[in-house]
Amino acid sequence: MNKLFNTKNIIKLLAVLFIAITVVSCQRDGSAEEDDIPQEDLTNILLQVKDVAAQTTTTYNYSMGAGGSQPIVLQDGKTYQVEVEFKNGNEDATQEIKDAKDEHFLVFNFPNSDIALTRTDDASSTRGDGKRVGLKTEWVVTKAVKNTSATSQLVLTLYHEPASVSEDSQASGNGVVFGTQTGGETDAQANYKITN
């Protein structure tokens, strides 16, 4: 009876060890250690949108877990200064992106909007290759919503370790994409609806 009890304990111990080894080995393929901000560490993307004429700022908070935010309200003919902030819970993760600016790049896609975007990053978020990450931008809105029967939005993507980047813009459907990249992986992506 005592021997049987010991065998059960040994089997339980082996099962616990097996589970522990399996959990430890199921991490991202080494990239979690290489990536200064793993995808699962970013919880929110905030846009600080300042109406230049009115000198008022509105914050738009995209929650990665909930997958949404309130729509960005833009008026045709206005200019906005926009700052992007990244959060990990209550902690600001933006500085980590600045610290590793050569490994990050933001792409702004405005389907169904006529918005001209200029990157205005200072030295703290300008890469070694001279390309600006995109944490600070200026938006000149010609038409916030081009076609009322389609969804106008901003698809904002943060890339980690792209092989190459460009600040150039290109037409995409009924809108424009500002910035392109080749290679790398997506650290975060947010979809903000745009209204006026």
Protein backbone atom coordinates (compact mmCIF):
# COMPACT_ATOMS: atom_id res chain seq x y z
CA MET A 1 0.00 0.00 0.00
CA ASN A 2 2.82 2.38 0.93
CA LYS A 3 4.64 1.45 -2.32
CA LEU A 4 1.53 2.21 -4.39
CA PHE A 5 1.20 5.60 -2.71
CA ASN A 6 4.82 6.45 -3.58
CA THR A 7 4.26 5.44 -7.22
CA LYS A 8 1.28 7.77 -7.47
CA ASN A 9 3.37 10.61 -6.02
CA ILE A 10 6.14 9.93 -8.52
CA ILE A 11 3.66 9.94 -11.41
CA LYS A 12 2.19 13.25 -10.19
CA LEU A 13 5.66 14.75 -9.87
CA LEU A 14 6.58 13.65 -13.40
CA ALA A 15 3.33 15.12 -14.75
CA VAL A 16 4.04 18.48 -13.08
CA LEU A 17 7.61 18.49 -14.46
CA PHE A 18 6.36 17.67 -17.97
CA ILE A 19 3.86 20.55 -17.86
CA ALA A 20 6.51 22.96 -16.56
CA ILE A 21 8.95 22.00 -19.33
CA THR A 22 6.23 22.34 -21.98
CA VAL A 23 5.22 25.83 -20.77
CA VAL A 24 8.82 27.05 -20.73
CA SER A 25 9.45 25.79 -24.26
CA CYS A 26 6.30 27.44 -25.72
CA GLN A 27 7.66 30.95 -26.01
CA ARG A 28 7.95 32.99 -29.20
CA ASP A 29 10.78 31.61 -31.34
CA GLY A 30 13.46 33.66 -29.59
CA SER A 31 11.97 36.93 -30.86
CA ALA A 32 10.47 37.73 -27.45
CA GLU A 33 13.97 38.24 -26.12
CA GLU A 34 15.05 40.17 -29.25
CA ASP A 35 11.97 42.40 -29.40
CA ASP A 36 12.19 45.23 -26.88
CA ILE A 37 8.38 45.52 -26.87
CA PRO A 38 6.76 42.15 -27.53
CA GLN A 39 3.26 42.32 -29.05
CA GLU A 40 1.64 40.99 -25.91
CA ASP A 41 3.14 43.87 -23.86
CA LEU A 42 1.28 46.63 -25.74
CA THR A 43 -2.26 47.17 -24.47
CA ASN A 44 -3.23 50.61 -25.83
CA ILE A 45 -2.36 53.01 -28.63
CA LEU A 46 -3.25 56.63 -27.92
CA LEU A 47 -3.50 59.41 -30.47
CA GLN A 48 -3.19 62.96 -29.13
CA VAL A 49 -4.91 64.95 -31.91
CA LYS A 50 -4.44 68.72 -31.64
CA ASP A 51 -6.57 71.08 -33.73
CA VAL A 52 -3.95 73.69 -34.69
CA ALA A 53 -6.44 76.56 -35.20
CA ALA A 54 -8.51 75.93 -32.06
CA GLN A 55 -5.50 74.83 -29.94
CA THR A 56 -7.57 71.99 -28.47
CA THR A 57 -6.36 68.40 -28.06
CA THR A 58 -8.50 65.26 -28.06
CA THR A 59 -7.19 61.84 -27.00
CA TYR A 60 -8.29 58.74 -28.92
CA ASN A 61 -7.51 55.51 -27.07
CA TYR A 62 -7.39 52.23 -29.00
CA SER A 63 -7.54 49.21 -26.69
CA MET A 64 -5.71 46.20 -28.15
CA GLY A 65 -7.70 43.72 -26.07
CA ALA A 66 -11.11 45.29 -26.73
CA GLY A 67 -10.15 46.03 -30.34
CA GLY A 68 -11.71 49.44 -30.61
CA SER A 69 -11.88 53.12 -29.86
CA GLN A 70 -14.15 56.09 -30.32
CA PRO A 71 -14.07 57.53 -33.87
CA ILE A 72 -11.55 60.29 -34.67
CA VAL A 73 -13.44 63.48 -35.51
CA LEU A 74 -11.70 65.54 -38.22
CA GLN A 75 -13.01 68.61 -40.01
CA ASP A 76 -12.34 69.24 -43.69
CA GLY A 77 -9.90 72.09 -44.31
CA LYS A 78 -8.25 71.83 -40.87
CA THR A 79 -4.70 70.97 -39.82
CA TYR A 80 -3.93 68.68 -36.88
CA GLN A 81 -0.74 67.87 -34.99
CA VAL A 82 -0.83 64.24 -33.90
CA GLU A 83 1.32 62.37 -31.38
CA VAL A 84 1.22 58.58 -31.01
CA GLU A 85 1.72 57.02 -27.57
CA PHE A 86 1.97 53.36 -26.66
CA LYS A 87 0.91 51.90 -23.31
CA ASN A 88 1.50 48.67 -21.46
CA GLY A 89 -1.31 48.85 -18.92
CA ASN A 90 -0.69 52.09 -17.02
CA GLU A 91 2.97 52.25 -18.08
CA ASP A 92 4.14 54.39 -21.01
CA ALA A 93 5.97 52.23 -23.58
CA THR A 94 6.66 55.10 -26.00
CA GLN A 95 10.13 55.73 -24.58
CA GLU A 96 11.07 52.11 -25.28
CA ILE A 97 10.24 52.70 -28.95
CA LYS A 98 12.34 55.87 -28.95
CA ASP A 99 15.21 54.00 -27.28
CA ALA A 100 15.06 51.42 -30.09
CA LYS A 101 14.03 53.86 -32.85
CA ASP A 102 16.24 52.17 -35.47
CA GLU A 103 14.13 49.02 -35.03
CA HIS A 104 10.67 50.63 -35.39
CA PHE A 105 8.55 52.35 -38.04
CA LEU A 106 4.90 53.47 -38.26
CA VAL A 107 2.77 53.16 -41.38
CA PHE A 108 -0.39 55.30 -41.66
CA ASN A 109 -3.12 54.07 -44.03
CA PHE A 110 -6.15 56.34 -44.63
CA PRO A 111 -8.65 54.37 -46.77
CA ASN A 112 -11.49 56.58 -47.99
CA SER A 113 -9.94 59.85 -46.71
CA ASP A 114 -8.04 62.66 -48.41
CA ILE A 115 -5.46 63.54 -45.76
CA ALA A 116 -1.88 64.71 -46.37
CA LEU A 117 0.47 63.48 -43.63
CA THR A 118 3.92 64.88 -42.85
CA ARG A 119 6.23 63.27 -40.30
CA THR A 120 7.46 65.87 -37.78
CA ASP A 121 9.51 63.68 -35.42
CA ASP A 122 12.41 65.33 -33.63
CA ALA A 123 15.79 63.65 -33.07
CA SER A 124 14.35 61.44 -30.29
CA SER A 125 12.29 59.47 -32.84
CA THR A 126 14.36 59.83 -36.01
CA ARG A 127 16.17 56.67 -37.06
CA GLY A 128 19.87 56.42 -37.85
CA ASP A 129 19.00 56.16 -41.57
CA GLY A 130 17.29 59.59 -41.35
CA LYS A 131 13.77 58.17 -41.60
CA ARG A 132 11.32 59.42 -38.98
CA VAL A 133 9.47 56.74 -36.99
CA GLY A 134 6.18 58.68 -37.12
CA LEU A 135 5.48 59.30 -33.43
CA LYS A 136 4.78 62.96 -34.35
CA THR A 137 2.94 63.92 -37.52
CA GLU A 138 0.91 66.73 -39.04
CA TRP A 139 -2.32 65.99 -40.89
CA VAL A 140 -3.84 68.41 -43.41
CA VAL A 141 -7.43 67.28 -44.00
CA THR A 142 -8.89 67.96 -47.43
CA LYS A 143 -11.75 65.49 -47.02
CA ALA A 144 -12.08 63.36 -43.88
CA VAL A 145 -14.75 61.15 -45.50
CA LYS A 146 -14.47 60.85 -49.30
CA ASN A 147 -17.36 58.45 -49.87
CA THR A 148 -20.16 58.40 -47.30
CA SER A 149 -21.18 54.86 -48.28
CA ALA A 150 -17.75 53.48 -47.29
CA THR A 151 -15.86 53.39 -43.99
CA SER A 152 -13.20 56.04 -43.49
CA GLN A 153 -10.49 55.01 -41.10
CA LEU A 154 -6.87 55.14 -40.04
CA VAL A 155 -5.07 51.80 -40.01
CA LEU A 156 -1.96 52.46 -37.93
CA THR A 157 0.73 49.77 -37.88
CA LEU A 158 3.92 49.66 -35.81
CA TYR A 159 6.60 47.48 -37.42
CA HIS A 160 9.56 45.96 -35.59
CA GLU A 161 12.90 45.44 -37.34
CA PRO A 162 11.81 46.07 -40.93
CA ALA A 163 14.55 45.34 -43.49
CA SER A 164 13.94 48.74 -45.12
CA VAL A 165 11.55 51.67 -44.73
CA SER A 166 10.40 54.65 -46.78
CA GLU A 167 8.46 57.77 -45.79
CA ASP A 168 6.97 57.98 -49.30
CA SER A 169 3.21 57.85 -49.81
CA GLN A 170 1.23 55.84 -52.30
CA ALA A 171 -2.38 55.71 -53.42
CA SER A 172 -4.32 52.78 -51.99
CA GLY A 173 -7.87 52.28 -53.16
CA ASN A 174 -9.78 55.43 -52.26
CA GLY A 175 -7.09 56.77 -49.91
CA VAL A 176 -3.36 57.08 -49.30
CA VAL A 177 -0.79 55.05 -47.33
CA PHE A 178 2.01 57.07 -45.74
CA GLY A 179 5.15 55.01 -45.28
CA THR A 180 6.16 51.60 -46.54
CA GLN A 181 8.31 48.83 -45.15
CA THR A 182 9.73 45.51 -46.24
CA GLY A 183 10.23 42.65 -43.81
CA GLY A 184 10.01 42.83 -40.05
CA GLU A 185 6.98 41.93 -37.98
CA THR A 186 3.94 43.78 -36.68
CA ASP A 187 4.34 44.94 -33.07
CA ALA A 188 0.89 46.58 -32.96
CA GLN A 189 -1.97 47.61 -35.21
CA ALA A 190 -4.95 49.86 -34.52
CA ASN A 191 -8.00 50.64 -36.65
CA TYR A 192 -9.57 54.01 -35.89
CA LYS A 193 -12.79 55.02 -37.63
CA ILE A 194 -12.71 58.60 -39.01
CA THR A 195 -15.79 60.82 -39.02
CA ASN A 196 -16.51 64.53 -39.43
